[in-house]
Amino acid sequence: MKKKKYSAILADLDGTLHRGGALIPGAKEAYEELSRKGIKWLFLSNNAARTAPDIATRIRQFGLDVSDDQVVNSTSVLFQAISE
């Protein structure tokens, strides 16, 4: 059977990456290992109370090296749709 190669992961945050104020065990190691293999990550959130950069900052506080543009939330999608 041929192995499938994935180039990206769409990851939810609460309950998938972290639970409340703590990373889920193994999440950081998985992020780092898959990132080293060239797999891109995009974090999705339906939290409209925070901006995508604010959410990225919170992810960085968990020790993951993410950029602001790796986070998409409902507010950022709305602003993108309005600006087009």
PDB file of N, CA and C in Angstrom:
ATOM      1  N   MET A   1       0.847  -1.180   0.000  1.00  0.00           N
ATOM      2  CA  MET A   1       0.000   0.000   0.000  1.00  0.00           C
ATOM      3  C   MET A   1       0.894   1.245   0.000  1.00  0.00           C
ATOM      4  N   LYS A   2       0.581   2.194  -0.833  1.00  0.00           N
ATOM      5  CA  LYS A   2       1.343   3.433  -0.932  1.00  0.00           C
ATOM      6  C   LYS A   2       1.034   4.342   0.261  1.00  0.00           C
ATOM      7  N   LYS A   3       2.099   4.882   0.867  1.00  0.00           N
ATOM      8  CA  LYS A   3       1.927   5.817   1.976  1.00  0.00           C
ATOM      9  C   LYS A   3       1.479   7.166   1.444  1.00  0.00           C
ATOM     10  N   LYS A   4       0.535   7.775   2.145  1.00  0.00           N
ATOM     11  CA  LYS A   4       0.108   9.125   1.780  1.00  0.00           C
ATOM     12  C   LYS A   4       1.031  10.124   2.446  1.00  0.00           C
ATOM     13  N   LYS A   5       1.382  11.174   1.732  1.00  0.00           N
ATOM     14  CA  LYS A   5       2.204  12.231   2.297  1.00  0.00           C
ATOM     15  C   LYS A   5       1.325  13.452   2.495  1.00  0.00           C
ATOM     16  N   TYR A   6       1.261  13.892   3.699  1.00  0.00           N
ATOM     17  CA  TYR A   6       0.479  15.076   4.015  1.00  0.00           C
ATOM     18  C   TYR A   6       1.407  16.271   4.100  1.00  0.00           C
ATOM     19  N   SER A   7       0.940  17.414   3.616  1.00  0.00           N
ATOM     20  CA  SER A   7       1.782  18.605   3.632  1.00  0.00           C
ATOM     21  C   SER A   7       1.347  19.616   4.685  1.00  0.00           C
ATOM     22  N   ALA A   8       0.166  19.411   5.282  1.00  0.00           N
ATOM     23  CA  ALA A   8      -0.320  20.383   6.259  1.00  0.00           C
ATOM     24  C   ALA A   8      -1.291  19.740   7.236  1.00  0.00           C
ATOM     25  N   ILE A   9      -1.403  20.376   8.381  1.00  0.00           N
ATOM     26  CA  ILE A   9      -2.342  19.960   9.418  1.00  0.00           C
ATOM     27  C   ILE A   9      -3.197  21.154   9.799  1.00  0.00           C
ATOM     28  N   LEU A  10      -4.499  20.953   9.828  1.00  0.00           N
ATOM     29  CA  LEU A  10      -5.420  21.954  10.360  1.00  0.00           C
ATOM     30  C   LEU A  10      -5.746  21.496  11.775  1.00  0.00           C
ATOM     31  N   ALA A  11      -5.381  22.300  12.759  1.00  0.00           N
ATOM     32  CA  ALA A  11      -5.531  21.873  14.147  1.00  0.00           C
ATOM     33  C   ALA A  11      -6.443  22.817  14.918  1.00  0.00           C
ATOM     34  N   ASP A  12      -7.399  22.232  15.606  1.00  0.00           N
ATOM     35  CA  ASP A  12      -8.217  22.981  16.550  1.00  0.00           C
ATOM     36  C   ASP A  12      -7.342  23.268  17.770  1.00  0.00           C
ATOM     37  N   LEU A  13      -7.786  24.145  18.631  1.00  0.00           N
ATOM     38  CA  LEU A  13      -6.966  24.508  19.780  1.00  0.00           C
ATOM     39  C   LEU A  13      -7.452  23.868  21.073  1.00  0.00           C
ATOM     40  N   ASP A  14      -8.543  24.391  21.635  1.00  0.00           N
ATOM     41  CA  ASP A  14      -8.991  23.932  22.939  1.00  0.00           C
ATOM     42  C   ASP A  14      -9.499  22.497  22.859  1.00  0.00           C
ATOM     43  N   GLY A  15      -8.863  21.623  23.612  1.00  0.00           N
ATOM     44  CA  GLY A  15      -9.233  20.221  23.622  1.00  0.00           C
ATOM     45  C   GLY A  15      -8.411  19.384  22.660  1.00  0.00           C
ATOM     46  N   THR A  16      -7.682  20.018  21.757  1.00  0.00           N
ATOM     47  CA  THR A  16      -6.843  19.303  20.809  1.00  0.00           C
ATOM     48  C   THR A  16      -5.372  19.609  21.070  1.00  0.00           C
ATOM     49  N   LEU A  17      -5.037  20.888  21.162  1.00  0.00           N
ATOM     50  CA  LEU A  17      -3.668  21.315  21.445  1.00  0.00           C
ATOM     51  C   LEU A  17      -3.481  21.537  22.951  1.00  0.00           C
ATOM     52  N   HIS A  18      -4.474  22.148  23.556  1.00  0.00           N
ATOM     53  CA  HIS A  18      -4.395  22.415  24.991  1.00  0.00           C
ATOM     54  C   HIS A  18      -5.756  22.199  25.618  1.00  0.00           C
ATOM     55  N   ARG A  19      -5.729  22.052  26.912  1.00  0.00           N
ATOM     56  CA  ARG A  19      -6.965  21.950  27.679  1.00  0.00           C
ATOM     57  C   ARG A  19      -6.850  22.992  28.775  1.00  0.00           C
ATOM     58  N   GLY A  20      -7.636  24.076  28.622  1.00  0.00           N
ATOM     59  CA  GLY A  20      -7.510  25.184  29.563  1.00  0.00           C
ATOM     60  C   GLY A  20      -6.135  25.811  29.442  1.00  0.00           C
ATOM     61  N   GLY A  21      -5.414  25.873  30.538  1.00  0.00           N
ATOM     62  CA  GLY A  21      -4.102  26.515  30.537  1.00  0.00           C
ATOM     63  C   GLY A  21      -2.938  25.561  30.380  1.00  0.00           C
ATOM     64  N   ALA A  22      -3.181  24.313  29.994  1.00  0.00           N
ATOM     65  CA  ALA A  22      -2.091  23.346  29.882  1.00  0.00           C
ATOM     66  C   ALA A  22      -2.103  22.657  28.526  1.00  0.00           C
ATOM     67  N   LEU A  23      -0.906  22.490  27.970  1.00  0.00           N
ATOM     68  CA  LEU A  23      -0.776  21.731  26.725  1.00  0.00           C
ATOM     69  C   LEU A  23      -1.179  20.285  26.969  1.00  0.00           C
ATOM     70  N   ILE A  24      -1.786  19.673  25.991  1.00  0.00           N
ATOM     71  CA  ILE A  24      -2.097  18.251  26.070  1.00  0.00           C
ATOM     72  C   ILE A  24      -0.774  17.491  25.952  1.00  0.00           C
ATOM     73  N   PRO A  25      -0.558  16.476  26.788  1.00  0.00           N
ATOM     74  CA  PRO A  25       0.707  15.738  26.734  1.00  0.00           C
ATOM     75  C   PRO A  25       1.024  15.251  25.319  1.00  0.00           C
ATOM     76  N   GLY A  26       2.252  15.513  24.901  1.00  0.00           N
ATOM     77  CA  GLY A  26       2.721  15.082  23.587  1.00  0.00           C
ATOM     78  C   GLY A  26       2.465  16.081  22.473  1.00  0.00           C
ATOM     79  N   ALA A  27       1.688  17.134  22.736  1.00  0.00           N
ATOM     80  CA  ALA A  27       1.352  18.103  21.681  1.00  0.00           C
ATOM     81  C   ALA A  27       2.580  18.851  21.183  1.00  0.00           C
ATOM     82  N   LYS A  28       3.419  19.295  22.104  1.00  0.00           N
ATOM     83  CA  LYS A  28       4.613  20.051  21.691  1.00  0.00           C
ATOM     84  C   LYS A  28       5.555  19.166  20.882  1.00  0.00           C
ATOM     85  N   GLU A  29       5.758  17.948  21.344  1.00  0.00           N
ATOM     86  CA  GLU A  29       6.646  17.026  20.631  1.00  0.00           C
ATOM     87  C   GLU A  29       6.112  16.711  19.235  1.00  0.00           C
ATOM     88  N   ALA A  30       4.809  16.506  19.123  1.00  0.00           N
ATOM     89  CA  ALA A  30       4.203  16.237  17.818  1.00  0.00           C
ATOM     90  C   ALA A  30       4.362  17.438  16.891  1.00  0.00           C
ATOM     91  N   TYR A  31       4.107  18.631  17.423  1.00  0.00           N
ATOM     92  CA  TYR A  31       4.249  19.851  16.621  1.00  0.00           C
ATOM     93  C   TYR A  31       5.687  19.991  16.112  1.00  0.00           C
ATOM     94  N   GLU A  32       6.648  19.827  17.008  1.00  0.00           N
ATOM     95  CA  GLU A  32       8.044  20.003  16.627  1.00  0.00           C
ATOM     96  C   GLU A  32       8.509  18.945  15.630  1.00  0.00           C
ATOM     97  N   GLU A  33       8.146  17.695  15.860  1.00  0.00           N
ATOM     98  CA  GLU A  33       8.573  16.615  14.965  1.00  0.00           C
ATOM     99  C   GLU A  33       7.969  16.766  13.568  1.00  0.00           C
ATOM    100  N   LEU A  34       6.678  17.027  13.497  1.00  0.00           N
ATOM    101  CA  LEU A  34       6.036  17.175  12.192  1.00  0.00           C
ATOM    102  C   LEU A  34       6.518  18.438  11.483  1.00  0.00           C
ATOM    103  N   SER A  35       6.761  19.501  12.235  1.00  0.00           N
ATOM    104  CA  SER A  35       7.297  20.734  11.639  1.00  0.00           C
ATOM    105  C   SER A  35       8.688  20.478  11.059  1.00  0.00           C
ATOM    106  N   ARG A  36       9.507  19.711  11.775  1.00  0.00           N
ATOM    107  CA  ARG A  36      10.848  19.365  11.279  1.00  0.00           C
ATOM    108  C   ARG A  36      10.770  18.597   9.963  1.00  0.00           C
ATOM    109  N   LYS A  37       9.713  17.831   9.800  1.00  0.00           N
ATOM    110  CA  LYS A  37       9.526  17.049   8.568  1.00  0.00           C
ATOM    111  C   LYS A  37       8.921  17.878   7.445  1.00  0.00           C
ATOM    112  N   GLY A  38       8.722  19.179   7.703  1.00  0.00           N
ATOM    113  CA  GLY A  38       8.217  20.073   6.662  1.00  0.00           C
ATOM    114  C   GLY A  38       6.709  20.178   6.589  1.00  0.00           C
ATOM    115  N   ILE A  39       6.016  19.614   7.550  1.00  0.00           N
ATOM    116  CA  ILE A  39       4.555  19.708   7.548  1.00  0.00           C
ATOM    117  C   ILE A  39       4.139  21.047   8.136  1.00  0.00           C
ATOM    118  N   LYS A  40       3.301  21.756   7.423  1.00  0.00           N
ATOM    119  CA  LYS A  40       2.815  23.076   7.855  1.00  0.00           C
ATOM    120  C   LYS A  40       1.638  22.907   8.804  1.00  0.00           C
ATOM    121  N   TRP A  41       1.504  23.832   9.712  1.00  0.00           N
ATOM    122  CA  TRP A  41       0.398  23.837  10.677  1.00  0.00           C
ATOM    123  C   TRP A  41      -0.437  25.090  10.510  1.00  0.00           C
ATOM    124  N   LEU A  42      -1.742  24.929  10.578  1.00  0.00           N
ATOM    125  CA  LEU A  42      -2.670  26.051  10.625  1.00  0.00           C
ATOM    126  C   LEU A  42      -3.615  25.773  11.789  1.00  0.00           C
ATOM    127  N   PHE A  43      -3.659  26.703  12.721  1.00  0.00           N
ATOM    128  CA  PHE A  43      -4.490  26.546  13.907  1.00  0.00           C
ATOM    129  C   PHE A  43      -5.804  27.288  13.700  1.00  0.00           C
ATOM    130  N   LEU A  44      -6.898  26.608  13.970  1.00  0.00           N
ATOM    131  CA  LEU A  44      -8.230  27.162  13.746  1.00  0.00           C
ATOM    132  C   LEU A  44      -8.925  27.394  15.079  1.00  0.00           C
ATOM    133  N   SER A  45      -9.634  28.524  15.163  1.00  0.00           N
ATOM    134  CA  SER A  45     -10.372  28.835  16.384  1.00  0.00           C
ATOM    135  C   SER A  45     -11.673  29.533  16.020  1.00  0.00           C
ATOM    136  N   ASN A  46     -12.726  29.208  16.746  1.00  0.00           N
ATOM    137  CA  ASN A  46     -13.978  29.940  16.548  1.00  0.00           C
ATOM    138  C   ASN A  46     -14.146  31.029  17.602  1.00  0.00           C
ATOM    139  N   ASN A  47     -13.084  31.339  18.319  1.00  0.00           N
ATOM    140  CA  ASN A  47     -13.093  32.373  19.342  1.00  0.00           C
ATOM    141  C   ASN A  47     -12.980  33.746  18.667  1.00  0.00           C
ATOM    142  N   ALA A  48     -14.082  34.475  18.636  1.00  0.00           N
ATOM    143  CA  ALA A  48     -14.088  35.795  18.001  1.00  0.00           C
ATOM    144  C   ALA A  48     -13.721  36.900  18.983  1.00  0.00           C
ATOM    145  N   ALA A  49     -13.544  36.556  20.247  1.00  0.00           N
ATOM    146  CA  ALA A  49     -13.225  37.562  21.260  1.00  0.00           C
ATOM    147  C   ALA A  49     -11.758  37.968  21.224  1.00  0.00           C
ATOM    148  N   ARG A  50     -10.903  37.171  20.585  1.00  0.00           N
ATOM    149  CA  ARG A  50      -9.478  37.468  20.493  1.00  0.00           C
ATOM    150  C   ARG A  50      -9.086  37.537  19.017  1.00  0.00           C
ATOM    151  N   THR A  51      -8.076  38.323  18.726  1.00  0.00           N
ATOM    152  CA  THR A  51      -7.572  38.380  17.357  1.00  0.00           C
ATOM    153  C   THR A  51      -6.676  37.174  17.098  1.00  0.00           C
ATOM    154  N   ALA A  52      -6.464  36.880  15.845  1.00  0.00           N
ATOM    155  CA  ALA A  52      -5.577  35.772  15.487  1.00  0.00           C
ATOM    156  C   ALA A  52      -4.170  35.983  16.067  1.00  0.00           C
ATOM    157  N   PRO A  53      -3.594  37.209  15.993  1.00  0.00           N
ATOM    158  CA  PRO A  53      -2.279  37.413  16.628  1.00  0.00           C
ATOM    159  C   PRO A  53      -2.307  37.187  18.144  1.00  0.00           C
ATOM    160  N   ASP A  54      -3.401  37.540  18.809  1.00  0.00           N
ATOM    161  CA  ASP A  54      -3.506  37.279  20.247  1.00  0.00           C
ATOM    162  C   ASP A  54      -3.498  35.769  20.524  1.00  0.00           C
ATOM    163  N   ILE A  55      -4.197  35.031  19.683  1.00  0.00           N
ATOM    164  CA  ILE A  55      -4.242  33.577  19.843  1.00  0.00           C
ATOM    165  C   ILE A  55      -2.856  32.982  19.578  1.00  0.00           C
ATOM    166  N   ALA A  56      -2.160  33.497  18.571  1.00  0.00           N
ATOM    167  CA  ALA A  56      -0.803  33.021  18.279  1.00  0.00           C
ATOM    168  C   ALA A  56       0.126  33.288  19.463  1.00  0.00           C
ATOM    169  N   THR A  57      -0.030  34.441  20.090  1.00  0.00           N
ATOM    170  CA  THR A  57       0.776  34.762  21.270  1.00  0.00           C
ATOM    171  C   THR A  57       0.524  33.743  22.369  1.00  0.00           C
ATOM    172  N   ARG A  58      -0.719  33.386  22.572  1.00  0.00           N
ATOM    173  CA  ARG A  58      -1.054  32.377  23.593  1.00  0.00           C
ATOM    174  C   ARG A  58      -0.421  31.024  23.256  1.00  0.00           C
ATOM    175  N   ILE A  59      -0.439  30.642  21.999  1.00  0.00           N
ATOM    176  CA  ILE A  59       0.184  29.380  21.599  1.00  0.00           C
ATOM    177  C   ILE A  59       1.691  29.441  21.865  1.00  0.00           C
ATOM    178  N   ARG A  60       2.309  30.572  21.569  1.00  0.00           N
ATOM    179  CA  ARG A  60       3.741  30.723  21.837  1.00  0.00           C
ATOM    180  C   ARG A  60       4.038  30.610  23.335  1.00  0.00           C
ATOM    181  N   GLN A  61       3.106  31.068  24.171  1.00  0.00           N
ATOM    182  CA  GLN A  61       3.299  30.950  25.619  1.00  0.00           C
ATOM    183  C   GLN A  61       3.332  29.489  26.059  1.00  0.00           C
ATOM    184  N   PHE A  62       2.765  28.600  25.260  1.00  0.00           N
ATOM    185  CA  PHE A  62       2.840  27.168  25.536  1.00  0.00           C
ATOM    186  C   PHE A  62       4.180  26.582  25.076  1.00  0.00           C
ATOM    187  N   GLY A  63       5.003  27.397  24.420  1.00  0.00           N
ATOM    188  CA  GLY A  63       6.319  26.941  23.993  1.00  0.00           C
ATOM    189  C   GLY A  63       6.396  26.487  22.554  1.00  0.00           C
ATOM    190  N   LEU A  64       5.355  26.746  21.769  1.00  0.00           N
ATOM    191  CA  LEU A  64       5.381  26.374  20.360  1.00  0.00           C
ATOM    192  C   LEU A  64       5.767  27.588  19.527  1.00  0.00           C
ATOM    193  N   ASP A  65       6.673  27.385  18.602  1.00  0.00           N
ATOM    194  CA  ASP A  65       7.157  28.460  17.750  1.00  0.00           C
ATOM    195  C   ASP A  65       6.206  28.616  16.561  1.00  0.00           C
ATOM    196  N   VAL A  66       5.193  29.479  16.735  1.00  0.00           N
ATOM    197  CA  VAL A  66       4.216  29.707  15.670  1.00  0.00           C
ATOM    198  C   VAL A  66       4.211  31.177  15.283  1.00  0.00           C
ATOM    199  N   SER A  67       3.849  31.445  14.053  1.00  0.00           N
ATOM    200  CA  SER A  67       3.723  32.832  13.593  1.00  0.00           C
ATOM    201  C   SER A  67       2.252  33.240  13.624  1.00  0.00           C
ATOM    202  N   ASP A  68       2.024  34.533  13.629  1.00  0.00           N
ATOM    203  CA  ASP A  68       0.649  35.041  13.659  1.00  0.00           C
ATOM    204  C   ASP A  68      -0.181  34.521  12.491  1.00  0.00           C
ATOM    205  N   ASP A  69       0.452  34.360  11.329  1.00  0.00           N
ATOM    206  CA  ASP A  69      -0.316  33.938  10.153  1.00  0.00           C
ATOM    207  C   ASP A  69      -0.620  32.441  10.143  1.00  0.00           C
ATOM    208  N   GLN A  70      -0.213  31.716  11.184  1.00  0.00           N
ATOM    209  CA  GLN A  70      -0.580  30.312  11.304  1.00  0.00           C
ATOM    210  C   GLN A  70      -1.905  30.135  12.038  1.00  0.00           C
ATOM    211  N   VAL A  71      -2.536  31.245  12.425  1.00  0.00           N
ATOM    212  CA  VAL A  71      -3.789  31.173  13.175  1.00  0.00           C
ATOM    213  C   VAL A  71      -4.905  31.829  12.367  1.00  0.00           C
ATOM    214  N   VAL A  72      -6.022  31.127  12.279  1.00  0.00           N
ATOM    215  CA  VAL A  72      -7.210  31.658  11.613  1.00  0.00           C
ATOM    216  C   VAL A  72      -8.368  31.524  12.592  1.00  0.00           C
ATOM    217  N   ASN A  73      -9.062  32.631  12.797  1.00  0.00           N
ATOM    218  CA  ASN A  73     -10.282  32.555  13.607  1.00  0.00           C
ATOM    219  C   ASN A  73     -11.408  33.246  12.861  1.00  0.00           C
ATOM    220  N   SER A  74     -12.596  33.183  13.421  1.00  0.00           N
ATOM    221  CA  SER A  74     -13.764  33.717  12.721  1.00  0.00           C
ATOM    222  C   SER A  74     -13.628  35.206  12.441  1.00  0.00           C
ATOM    223  N   THR A  75     -12.992  35.949  13.331  1.00  0.00           N
ATOM    224  CA  THR A  75     -12.812  37.384  13.111  1.00  0.00           C
ATOM    225  C   THR A  75     -11.856  37.645  11.957  1.00  0.00           C
ATOM    226  N   SER A  76     -10.748  36.903  11.894  1.00  0.00           N
ATOM    227  CA  SER A  76      -9.789  37.139  10.815  1.00  0.00           C
ATOM    228  C   SER A  76     -10.398  36.790   9.458  1.00  0.00           C
ATOM    229  N   VAL A  77     -11.241  35.780   9.411  1.00  0.00           N
ATOM    230  CA  VAL A  77     -11.905  35.422   8.149  1.00  0.00           C
ATOM    231  C   VAL A  77     -12.860  36.526   7.735  1.00  0.00           C
ATOM    232  N   LEU A  78     -13.588  37.085   8.697  1.00  0.00           N
ATOM    233  CA  LEU A  78     -14.520  38.179   8.404  1.00  0.00           C
ATOM    234  C   LEU A  78     -13.767  39.382   7.860  1.00  0.00           C
ATOM    235  N   PHE A  79     -12.679  39.766   8.518  1.00  0.00           N
ATOM    236  CA  PHE A  79     -11.905  40.927   8.055  1.00  0.00           C
ATOM    237  C   PHE A  79     -11.324  40.699   6.669  1.00  0.00           C
ATOM    238  N   GLN A  80     -10.898  39.484   6.401  1.00  0.00           N
ATOM    239  CA  GLN A  80     -10.366  39.172   5.074  1.00  0.00           C
ATOM    240  C   GLN A  80     -11.471  39.288   4.017  1.00  0.00           C
ATOM    241  N   ALA A  81     -12.661  38.797   4.324  1.00  0.00           N
ATOM    242  CA  ALA A  81     -13.774  38.853   3.377  1.00  0.00           C
ATOM    243  C   ALA A  81     -14.185  40.297   3.105  1.00  0.00           C
ATOM    244  N   ILE A  82     -14.169  41.133   4.129  1.00  0.00           N
ATOM    245  CA  ILE A  82     -14.557  42.534   3.972  1.00  0.00           C
ATOM    246  C   ILE A  82     -13.546  43.299   3.130  1.00  0.00           C
ATOM    247  N   SER A  83     -12.255  42.961   3.290  1.00  0.00           N
ATOM    248  CA  SER A  83     -11.210  43.701   2.581  1.00  0.00           C
ATOM    249  C   SER A  83     -11.066  43.303   1.127  1.00  0.00           C
ATOM    250  N   GLU A  84     -11.696  42.227   0.707  1.00  0.00           N
ATOM    251  CA  GLU A  84     -11.568  41.790  -0.689  1.00  0.00           C
ATOM    252  C   GLU A  84     -12.527  42.506  -1.601  1.00  0.00           C
TER     253      GLU A  84
END
